């Protein structure tokens, strides 16, 4: 089991009210799985992804990565998140003053040499059909190209699990299809993926669908 969540609880406070988001939630994911998380707005889809990915602590319960509790200590969490998890969000968050190649390579310099990071970044972008766009800046790329660069950046450190939160939310139909094809290709190569989406058609490309309901 590559990823497990056991008995998760998460509440938020709004004024004098307590909003329950997750209550006694458990989840299991095998290596190489592709899970789409769907549900209505406010059901806690993104919160769940953030907790599973080590971005936000649950109020109770725990998350295991390869049998290890990721929230045992902050240093351990940072190592797992940086070395084993990759993230793609609805907004690409590319750095405007850096080229596509540089945007992808920069995170790779944390755990490796600059030369190796750029070689790997170039290889990943080429596999995504962006070889001719590596020296372009984000503003010179289409929305679909920007998001594919963001996916490439998430892959630079060879993550075990890719977490994607509404990655097609800002894209038109054609670009959404291109991005989802990338996820399918990556999963076919063995990458474990958790994808949050409100789009049932996009969710249907996953191996299984996890439905969450508003409490």
C-alpha atoms as a PDB file:
ATOM      1  CA  UNK A   1       0.000   0.000   0.000  1.00  0.00           C
ATOM      2  CA  UNK A   2       1.667   3.236  -1.082  1.00  0.00           C
ATOM      3  CA  UNK A   3      -0.740   5.636   0.632  1.00  0.00           C
ATOM      4  CA  UNK A   4      -3.242   5.170   3.455  1.00  0.00           C
ATOM      5  CA  UNK A   5      -5.424   7.511   5.469  1.00  0.00           C
ATOM      6  CA  UNK A   6      -7.068   6.264   8.633  1.00  0.00           C
ATOM      7  CA  UNK A   7      -9.898   7.880  10.564  1.00  0.00           C
ATOM      8  CA  UNK A   8      -9.306  11.434   9.353  1.00  0.00           C
ATOM      9  CA  UNK A   9     -11.155  14.332  10.935  1.00  0.00           C
ATOM     10  CA  UNK A  10     -10.981  17.952   9.789  1.00  0.00           C
ATOM     11  CA  UNK A  11     -13.072  20.918  10.909  1.00  0.00           C
ATOM     12  CA  UNK A  12     -12.897  24.633  10.185  1.00  0.00           C
ATOM     13  CA  UNK A  13     -14.202  27.485  12.289  1.00  0.00           C
ATOM     14  CA  UNK A  14     -16.262  30.204  10.622  1.00  0.00           C
ATOM     15  CA  UNK A  15     -17.400  32.849  13.066  1.00  0.00           C
ATOM     16  CA  UNK A  16     -19.119  30.984  15.861  1.00  0.00           C
ATOM     17  CA  UNK A  17     -19.806  27.961  13.678  1.00  0.00           C
ATOM     18  CA  UNK A  18     -17.811  24.773  13.251  1.00  0.00           C
ATOM     19  CA  UNK A  19     -17.820  23.401   9.723  1.00  0.00           C
ATOM     20  CA  UNK A  20     -17.191  19.665   9.478  1.00  0.00           C
ATOM     21  CA  UNK A  21     -15.239  18.736   6.364  1.00  0.00           C
ATOM     22  CA  UNK A  22     -13.958  15.217   7.032  1.00  0.00           C
ATOM     23  CA  UNK A  23     -15.305  12.815   9.634  1.00  0.00           C
ATOM     24  CA  UNK A  24     -13.781   9.383  10.282  1.00  0.00           C
ATOM     25  CA  UNK A  25     -12.545   9.216   6.683  1.00  0.00           C
ATOM     26  CA  UNK A  26     -10.304   6.334   5.601  1.00  0.00           C
ATOM     27  CA  UNK A  27      -8.614   5.677   2.272  1.00  0.00           C
ATOM     28  CA  UNK A  28      -6.185   3.196   0.706  1.00  0.00           C
ATOM     29  CA  UNK A  29      -4.162   3.476  -2.478  1.00  0.00           C
ATOM     30  CA  UNK A  30      -2.011   0.851  -4.160  1.00  0.00           C
ATOM     31  CA  UNK A  31       1.138   1.709  -6.091  1.00  0.00           C
ATOM     32  CA  UNK A  32       0.258   2.552  -9.698  1.00  0.00           C
ATOM     33  CA  UNK A  33      -3.352   3.440  -8.903  1.00  0.00           C
ATOM     34  CA  UNK A  34      -5.157   6.398 -10.484  1.00  0.00           C
ATOM     35  CA  UNK A  35      -7.901   7.775  -8.254  1.00  0.00           C
ATOM     36  CA  UNK A  36     -10.275  10.601  -9.158  1.00  0.00           C
ATOM     37  CA  UNK A  37     -11.854  12.413  -6.213  1.00  0.00           C
ATOM     38  CA  UNK A  38     -15.248  13.911  -7.062  1.00  0.00           C
ATOM     39  CA  UNK A  39     -18.026  15.552  -5.104  1.00  0.00           C
ATOM     40  CA  UNK A  40     -20.002  18.773  -4.705  1.00  0.00           C
ATOM     41  CA  UNK A  41     -18.416  22.116  -3.892  1.00  0.00           C
ATOM     42  CA  UNK A  42     -17.578  22.314  -0.201  1.00  0.00           C
ATOM     43  CA  UNK A  43     -17.384  18.539   0.241  1.00  0.00           C
ATOM     44  CA  UNK A  44     -13.705  18.701   1.177  1.00  0.00           C
ATOM     45  CA  UNK A  45     -12.098  17.374  -2.014  1.00  0.00           C
ATOM     46  CA  UNK A  46      -9.194  19.818  -1.975  1.00  0.00           C
ATOM     47  CA  UNK A  47      -8.828  19.569   1.795  1.00  0.00           C
ATOM     48  CA  UNK A  48      -8.532  15.795   1.475  1.00  0.00           C
ATOM     49  CA  UNK A  49      -5.877  16.128  -1.226  1.00  0.00           C
ATOM     50  CA  UNK A  50      -3.939  18.617   0.904  1.00  0.00           C
ATOM     51  CA  UNK A  51      -4.017  16.290   3.912  1.00  0.00           C
ATOM     52  CA  UNK A  52      -2.985  13.225   1.896  1.00  0.00           C
ATOM     53  CA  UNK A  53      -0.180  15.229   0.301  1.00  0.00           C
ATOM     54  CA  UNK A  54       1.198  16.591   3.556  1.00  0.00           C
ATOM     55  CA  UNK A  55       0.147  20.182   2.929  1.00  0.00           C
ATOM     56  CA  UNK A  56      -2.368  20.422   5.770  1.00  0.00           C
ATOM     57  CA  UNK A  57      -2.569  18.464   9.020  1.00  0.00           C
ATOM     58  CA  UNK A  58      -5.779  16.666   9.961  1.00  0.00           C
ATOM     59  CA  UNK A  59      -7.365  17.396  13.331  1.00  0.00           C
ATOM     60  CA  UNK A  60      -7.239  13.680  14.072  1.00  0.00           C
ATOM     61  CA  UNK A  61      -6.281  10.484  12.300  1.00  0.00           C
ATOM     62  CA  UNK A  62      -3.120   9.811  10.323  1.00  0.00           C
ATOM     63  CA  UNK A  63      -1.707   9.408   6.823  1.00  0.00           C
ATOM     64  CA  UNK A  64       0.778   6.669   5.954  1.00  0.00           C
ATOM     65  CA  UNK A  65       3.174   6.753   3.013  1.00  0.00           C
ATOM     66  CA  UNK A  66       4.770   3.334   2.488  1.00  0.00           C
ATOM     67  CA  UNK A  67       3.684   2.497   6.029  1.00  0.00           C
ATOM     68  CA  UNK A  68       5.222   5.604   7.606  1.00  0.00           C
ATOM     69  CA  UNK A  69       3.153   8.295   9.340  1.00  0.00           C
ATOM     70  CA  UNK A  70       3.961  11.449   7.373  1.00  0.00           C
ATOM     71  CA  UNK A  71       2.915  13.748  10.213  1.00  0.00           C
ATOM     72  CA  UNK A  72       5.252  12.250  12.844  1.00  0.00           C
ATOM     73  CA  UNK A  73       7.585  15.251  12.663  1.00  0.00           C
ATOM     74  CA  UNK A  74       8.036  18.276  10.434  1.00  0.00           C
ATOM     75  CA  UNK A  75      11.471  17.302   9.105  1.00  0.00           C
ATOM     76  CA  UNK A  76      10.214  13.882   8.099  1.00  0.00           C
ATOM     77  CA  UNK A  77       7.185  15.484   6.444  1.00  0.00           C
ATOM     78  CA  UNK A  78       9.341  17.915   4.456  1.00  0.00           C
ATOM     79  CA  UNK A  79      11.535  15.080   3.195  1.00  0.00           C
ATOM     80  CA  UNK A  80       8.595  12.935   2.105  1.00  0.00           C
ATOM     81  CA  UNK A  81       6.809  15.840   0.454  1.00  0.00           C
ATOM     82  CA  UNK A  82       9.887  17.076  -1.407  1.00  0.00           C
ATOM     83  CA  UNK A  83      11.243  13.690  -2.465  1.00  0.00           C
ATOM     84  CA  UNK A  84       8.144  11.563  -3.035  1.00  0.00           C
ATOM     85  CA  UNK A  85       5.173  13.844  -3.769  1.00  0.00           C
ATOM     86  CA  UNK A  86       4.460  16.063  -6.767  1.00  0.00           C
ATOM     87  CA  UNK A  87       1.718  18.681  -6.984  1.00  0.00           C
ATOM     88  CA  UNK A  88      -0.286  20.284  -9.798  1.00  0.00           C
ATOM     89  CA  UNK A  89      -2.939  22.900  -9.093  1.00  0.00           C
ATOM     90  CA  UNK A  90      -5.683  24.703 -11.000  1.00  0.00           C
ATOM     91  CA  UNK A  91      -3.355  27.678 -11.495  1.00  0.00           C
ATOM     92  CA  UNK A  92       0.042  26.844 -12.931  1.00  0.00           C
ATOM     93  CA  UNK A  93       2.073  29.146 -10.617  1.00  0.00           C
ATOM     94  CA  UNK A  94       4.933  29.346 -13.098  1.00  0.00           C
ATOM     95  CA  UNK A  95       7.569  32.016 -12.495  1.00  0.00           C
ATOM     96  CA  UNK A  96       7.061  34.734 -15.104  1.00  0.00           C
ATOM     97  CA  UNK A  97      10.733  35.698 -15.408  1.00  0.00           C
ATOM     98  CA  UNK A  98      11.960  32.181 -16.120  1.00  0.00           C
ATOM     99  CA  UNK A  99      11.608  30.038 -19.234  1.00  0.00           C
ATOM    100  CA  UNK A 100       9.639  26.818 -19.337  1.00  0.00           C
ATOM    101  CA  UNK A 101      12.887  24.865 -19.021  1.00  0.00           C
ATOM    102  CA  UNK A 102      14.049  26.909 -16.034  1.00  0.00           C
ATOM    103  CA  UNK A 103      10.674  26.633 -14.290  1.00  0.00           C
ATOM    104  CA  UNK A 104      10.862  22.849 -14.503  1.00  0.00           C
ATOM    105  CA  UNK A 105      14.547  22.548 -13.602  1.00  0.00           C
ATOM    106  CA  UNK A 106      14.652  24.809 -10.530  1.00  0.00           C
ATOM    107  CA  UNK A 107      12.998  22.360  -8.068  1.00  0.00           C
ATOM    108  CA  UNK A 108      15.346  19.651  -9.308  1.00  0.00           C
ATOM    109  CA  UNK A 109      18.381  21.609  -8.127  1.00  0.00           C
ATOM    110  CA  UNK A 110      17.348  21.056  -4.495  1.00  0.00           C
ATOM    111  CA  UNK A 111      18.281  17.374  -4.586  1.00  0.00           C
ATOM    112  CA  UNK A 112      20.717  17.302  -7.498  1.00  0.00           C
ATOM    113  CA  UNK A 113      23.149  19.186  -9.674  1.00  0.00           C
ATOM    114  CA  UNK A 114      22.124  22.032 -11.959  1.00  0.00           C
ATOM    115  CA  UNK A 115      23.327  20.112 -15.013  1.00  0.00           C
ATOM    116  CA  UNK A 116      21.315  17.003 -14.132  1.00  0.00           C
ATOM    117  CA  UNK A 117      18.231  19.088 -13.349  1.00  0.00           C
ATOM    118  CA  UNK A 118      18.301  20.816 -16.728  1.00  0.00           C
ATOM    119  CA  UNK A 119      18.897  17.556 -18.591  1.00  0.00           C
ATOM    120  CA  UNK A 120      15.981  15.903 -16.833  1.00  0.00           C
ATOM    121  CA  UNK A 121      13.755  18.964 -17.342  1.00  0.00           C
ATOM    122  CA  UNK A 122      14.520  18.955 -21.055  1.00  0.00           C
ATOM    123  CA  UNK A 123      13.716  15.242 -21.281  1.00  0.00           C
ATOM    124  CA  UNK A 124      10.386  15.573 -19.432  1.00  0.00           C
ATOM    125  CA  UNK A 125       9.287  18.533 -21.546  1.00  0.00           C
ATOM    126  CA  UNK A 126      10.214  16.669 -24.732  1.00  0.00           C
ATOM    127  CA  UNK A 127       8.047  13.709 -23.699  1.00  0.00           C
ATOM    128  CA  UNK A 128       5.173  16.164 -23.297  1.00  0.00           C
ATOM    129  CA  UNK A 129       5.638  17.503 -26.796  1.00  0.00           C
ATOM    130  CA  UNK A 130       7.062  20.817 -25.605  1.00  0.00           C
ATOM    131  CA  UNK A 131      10.611  20.485 -26.889  1.00  0.00           C
ATOM    132  CA  UNK A 132      10.187  23.498 -29.172  1.00  0.00           C
ATOM    133  CA  UNK A 133       8.809  25.622 -26.323  1.00  0.00           C
ATOM    134  CA  UNK A 134      11.478  25.125 -23.659  1.00  0.00           C
ATOM    135  CA  UNK A 135      12.964  28.602 -24.084  1.00  0.00           C
ATOM    136  CA  UNK A 136       9.607  30.382 -24.067  1.00  0.00           C
ATOM    137  CA  UNK A 137       8.390  32.338 -21.067  1.00  0.00           C
ATOM    138  CA  UNK A 138       5.016  31.502 -19.472  1.00  0.00           C
ATOM    139  CA  UNK A 139       3.271  34.479 -21.092  1.00  0.00           C
ATOM    140  CA  UNK A 140       4.335  33.127 -24.501  1.00  0.00           C
ATOM    141  CA  UNK A 141       2.651  29.765 -23.896  1.00  0.00           C
ATOM    142  CA  UNK A 142      -0.983  28.744 -24.291  1.00  0.00           C
ATOM    143  CA  UNK A 143      -3.004  27.752 -21.234  1.00  0.00           C
ATOM    144  CA  UNK A 144      -2.586  24.082 -22.040  1.00  0.00           C
ATOM    145  CA  UNK A 145       1.153  24.470 -22.536  1.00  0.00           C
ATOM    146  CA  UNK A 146       1.476  26.331 -19.236  1.00  0.00           C
ATOM    147  CA  UNK A 147      -0.294  23.534 -17.396  1.00  0.00           C
ATOM    148  CA  UNK A 148       1.841  20.866 -19.049  1.00  0.00           C
ATOM    149  CA  UNK A 149       4.937  22.769 -17.932  1.00  0.00           C
ATOM    150  CA  UNK A 150       3.480  22.771 -14.414  1.00  0.00           C
ATOM    151  CA  UNK A 151       3.020  18.991 -14.640  1.00  0.00           C
ATOM    152  CA  UNK A 152       6.608  18.625 -15.853  1.00  0.00           C
ATOM    153  CA  UNK A 153       7.795  20.684 -12.884  1.00  0.00           C
ATOM    154  CA  UNK A 154       5.897  18.346 -10.535  1.00  0.00           C
ATOM    155  CA  UNK A 155       7.749  15.386 -12.081  1.00  0.00           C
ATOM    156  CA  UNK A 156      11.289  16.756 -11.863  1.00  0.00           C
ATOM    157  CA  UNK A 157      12.117  14.932  -8.622  1.00  0.00           C
ATOM    158  CA  UNK A 158      10.563  11.639  -9.785  1.00  0.00           C
ATOM    159  CA  UNK A 159       7.675  11.560  -7.297  1.00  0.00           C
ATOM    160  CA  UNK A 160       5.975   8.366  -6.197  1.00  0.00           C
ATOM    161  CA  UNK A 161       2.575  10.068  -6.052  1.00  0.00           C
ATOM    162  CA  UNK A 162       1.252  12.963  -8.124  1.00  0.00           C
ATOM    163  CA  UNK A 163      -1.487  15.067  -6.525  1.00  0.00           C
ATOM    164  CA  UNK A 164      -3.559  17.145  -8.960  1.00  0.00           C
ATOM    165  CA  UNK A 165      -6.187  19.615  -7.737  1.00  0.00           C
ATOM    166  CA  UNK A 166      -8.573  20.638 -10.545  1.00  0.00           C
ATOM    167  CA  UNK A 167      -5.694  20.745 -13.080  1.00  0.00           C
ATOM    168  CA  UNK A 168      -8.067  21.419 -15.995  1.00  0.00           C
ATOM    169  CA  UNK A 169     -10.230  23.953 -14.162  1.00  0.00           C
ATOM    170  CA  UNK A 170      -8.926  26.908 -16.180  1.00  0.00           C
ATOM    171  CA  UNK A 171      -8.614  25.139 -19.526  1.00  0.00           C
ATOM    172  CA  UNK A 172     -10.895  24.819 -22.519  1.00  0.00           C
ATOM    173  CA  UNK A 173     -12.109  21.436 -23.741  1.00  0.00           C
ATOM    174  CA  UNK A 174      -9.250  20.803 -26.177  1.00  0.00           C
ATOM    175  CA  UNK A 175      -6.487  21.737 -23.746  1.00  0.00           C
ATOM    176  CA  UNK A 176      -8.186  19.762 -20.976  1.00  0.00           C
ATOM    177  CA  UNK A 177      -8.084  16.679 -23.172  1.00  0.00           C
ATOM    178  CA  UNK A 178      -4.367  17.146 -23.844  1.00  0.00           C
ATOM    179  CA  UNK A 179      -3.587  17.520 -20.141  1.00  0.00           C
ATOM    180  CA  UNK A 180      -5.658  14.480 -19.178  1.00  0.00           C
ATOM    181  CA  UNK A 181      -3.890  12.423 -21.844  1.00  0.00           C
ATOM    182  CA  UNK A 182      -0.632  13.301 -20.085  1.00  0.00           C
ATOM    183  CA  UNK A 183      -2.004  11.975 -16.805  1.00  0.00           C
ATOM    184  CA  UNK A 184      -3.074   8.754 -18.527  1.00  0.00           C
ATOM    185  CA  UNK A 185       0.381   8.338 -20.055  1.00  0.00           C
ATOM    186  CA  UNK A 186       2.117   8.964 -16.733  1.00  0.00           C
ATOM    187  CA  UNK A 187      -0.116   6.480 -14.940  1.00  0.00           C
ATOM    188  CA  UNK A 188       0.517   3.878 -17.651  1.00  0.00           C
ATOM    189  CA  UNK A 189       4.229   4.350 -16.898  1.00  0.00           C
ATOM    190  CA  UNK A 190       3.551   3.462 -13.251  1.00  0.00           C
ATOM    191  CA  UNK A 191       2.998   6.815 -11.544  1.00  0.00           C
ATOM    192  CA  UNK A 192       0.363   6.833  -8.787  1.00  0.00           C
ATOM    193  CA  UNK A 193      -2.077   9.731  -9.239  1.00  0.00           C
ATOM    194  CA  UNK A 194      -4.772  11.375  -7.130  1.00  0.00           C
ATOM    195  CA  UNK A 195      -6.868  13.789  -9.192  1.00  0.00           C
ATOM    196  CA  UNK A 196      -9.492  16.136  -7.769  1.00  0.00           C
ATOM    197  CA  UNK A 197     -12.095  17.234 -10.309  1.00  0.00           C
ATOM    198  CA  UNK A 198     -15.708  18.360 -10.543  1.00  0.00           C
ATOM    199  CA  UNK A 199     -15.916  16.999 -14.100  1.00  0.00           C
ATOM    200  CA  UNK A 200     -17.346  13.471 -14.305  1.00  0.00           C
ATOM    201  CA  UNK A 201     -15.981  12.984 -17.821  1.00  0.00           C
ATOM    202  CA  UNK A 202     -12.457  13.751 -16.673  1.00  0.00           C
ATOM    203  CA  UNK A 203     -12.923  11.547 -13.611  1.00  0.00           C
ATOM    204  CA  UNK A 204     -13.885   8.650 -15.872  1.00  0.00           C
ATOM    205  CA  UNK A 205     -10.301   8.298 -17.159  1.00  0.00           C
ATOM    206  CA  UNK A 206      -9.134   7.240 -13.680  1.00  0.00           C
ATOM    207  CA  UNK A 207      -8.961   3.602 -12.628  1.00  0.00           C
ATOM    208  CA  UNK A 208     -11.412   4.294  -9.829  1.00  0.00           C
ATOM    209  CA  UNK A 209     -13.529   7.135  -8.511  1.00  0.00           C
ATOM    210  CA  UNK A 210     -13.725   8.217  -4.885  1.00  0.00           C
ATOM    211  CA  UNK A 211     -16.875  10.184  -4.106  1.00  0.00           C
ATOM    212  CA  UNK A 212     -16.959  12.538  -1.134  1.00  0.00           C
ATOM    213  CA  UNK A 213     -20.127  14.141   0.159  1.00  0.00           C
ATOM    214  CA  UNK A 214     -20.711  17.378   2.008  1.00  0.00           C
ATOM    215  CA  UNK A 215     -21.267  16.798   5.733  1.00  0.00           C
END
